[in-house]
Protein backbone atom coordinates (compact mmCIF):
# COMPACT_ATOMS: atom_id res chain seq x y z
CA MET A 1 1.92 -9.46 5.79
CA LYS A 2 1.18 -6.94 8.53
CA PRO A 3 -1.88 -4.68 8.63
CA GLY A 4 -1.15 -1.59 6.58
CA ASP A 5 1.42 -3.30 4.34
CA LEU A 6 -1.01 -3.43 1.42
CA ASP A 7 -1.89 0.24 1.88
CA ASN A 8 1.81 1.10 1.95
CA LEU A 9 2.46 -0.96 -1.18
CA ARG A 10 -0.39 0.73 -3.08
CA HIS A 11 0.93 4.14 -2.04
CA LEU A 12 4.53 3.34 -3.02
CA ILE A 13 3.61 1.97 -6.43
CA GLY A 14 1.26 4.88 -7.12
CA THR A 15 3.86 7.43 -6.05
CA CYS A 16 6.46 5.81 -8.29
CA ILE A 17 4.22 5.73 -11.35
CA LYS A 18 3.14 9.34 -10.85
CA SER A 19 6.72 10.50 -10.31
CA VAL A 20 8.02 8.79 -13.44
CA ARG A 21 5.06 10.00 -15.51
CA GLN A 22 5.62 13.59 -14.41
CA LYS A 23 9.38 13.39 -15.04
CA LYS A 24 8.61 12.20 -18.57
CA GLY A 25 6.29 15.19 -19.03
CA LEU A 26 3.24 13.01 -19.66
CA SER A 27 -0.32 13.84 -18.71
CA LEU A 28 -2.69 11.14 -17.50
CA GLU A 29 -4.50 11.46 -20.82
CA GLN A 30 -1.26 10.79 -22.72
CA LEU A 31 -0.47 7.80 -20.51
CA GLU A 32 -3.97 6.49 -21.18
CA SER A 33 -3.27 6.72 -24.92
CA LEU A 34 0.02 4.87 -24.52
CA THR A 35 -1.34 2.09 -22.33
CA GLY A 36 -5.04 1.71 -23.04
CA ILE A 37 -5.68 2.02 -19.30
CA GLU A 38 -8.54 4.42 -18.58
CA GLU A 39 -7.55 7.73 -17.01
CA ALA A 40 -9.90 7.10 -14.06
CA ASN A 41 -8.05 3.87 -13.29
CA LEU A 42 -4.68 5.57 -13.66
CA ARG A 43 -5.81 8.19 -11.12
CA LYS A 44 -6.80 5.44 -8.68
CA ILE A 45 -3.45 3.71 -9.12
CA GLU A 46 -1.45 6.93 -8.68
CA SER A 47 -3.45 7.95 -5.61
CA GLY A 48 -2.91 4.56 -4.01
CA THR A 49 -6.57 3.57 -3.90
CA ARG A 50 -6.09 0.73 -6.40
CA LEU A 51 -3.28 -1.81 -6.48
CA PRO A 52 -2.40 -2.58 -10.10
CA THR A 53 -2.01 -6.17 -11.21
CA MET A 54 1.37 -7.38 -12.40
CA PRO A 55 0.32 -7.20 -16.08
CA THR A 56 -0.81 -3.60 -15.51
CA ILE A 57 2.51 -2.75 -13.85
CA MET A 58 4.34 -4.22 -16.85
CA ILE A 59 2.21 -2.21 -19.30
CA LEU A 60 2.87 0.97 -17.33
CA SER A 61 6.59 0.35 -16.96
CA ASN A 62 6.93 -0.31 -20.70
CA ALA A 63 4.98 2.85 -21.57
CA LEU A 64 7.05 4.91 -19.14
CA GLY A 65 10.33 3.46 -20.36
CA VAL A 66 11.38 1.97 -17.02
CA SER A 67 11.97 -1.63 -16.05
CA HIS A 68 10.08 -3.56 -13.45
CA ARG A 69 13.35 -3.69 -11.50
CA GLU A 70 13.50 0.12 -11.42
CA LEU A 71 10.01 0.21 -9.95
CA GLN A 72 11.07 -2.23 -7.24
CA GLU A 73 14.19 -0.20 -6.45
CA PHE A 74 12.09 2.94 -6.21
CA GLU A 75 9.78 1.22 -3.72
CA PHE A 76 12.75 0.10 -1.63
CA ASN A 77 14.30 3.58 -1.67
CA MET A 78 10.98 5.17 -0.65
CA GLU A 79 10.67 2.75 2.29
CA GLU A 80 14.19 3.63 3.47
CA LYS A 81 13.42 7.36 3.37
CA SER A 82 10.23 6.94 5.42
CA GLU A 83 12.00 5.12 8.28
């Protein structure tokens, strides 16, 4: 892993979660109710300051109605666009 890779990963995952949440018309408060994850932690994840654990990613993907695979594809597509 190169320097900056972890920062990039946090940003990509956060961007994906925020994008899906907004497309579903959910507020952070509503996502908190669906997942049990505190709004403050959701903000940190979406802003890329906190890398969610795999169980957290699974909870979020289930609540947002997307598969883990879709999250991975989103990350790959975002990396291609930034190159």
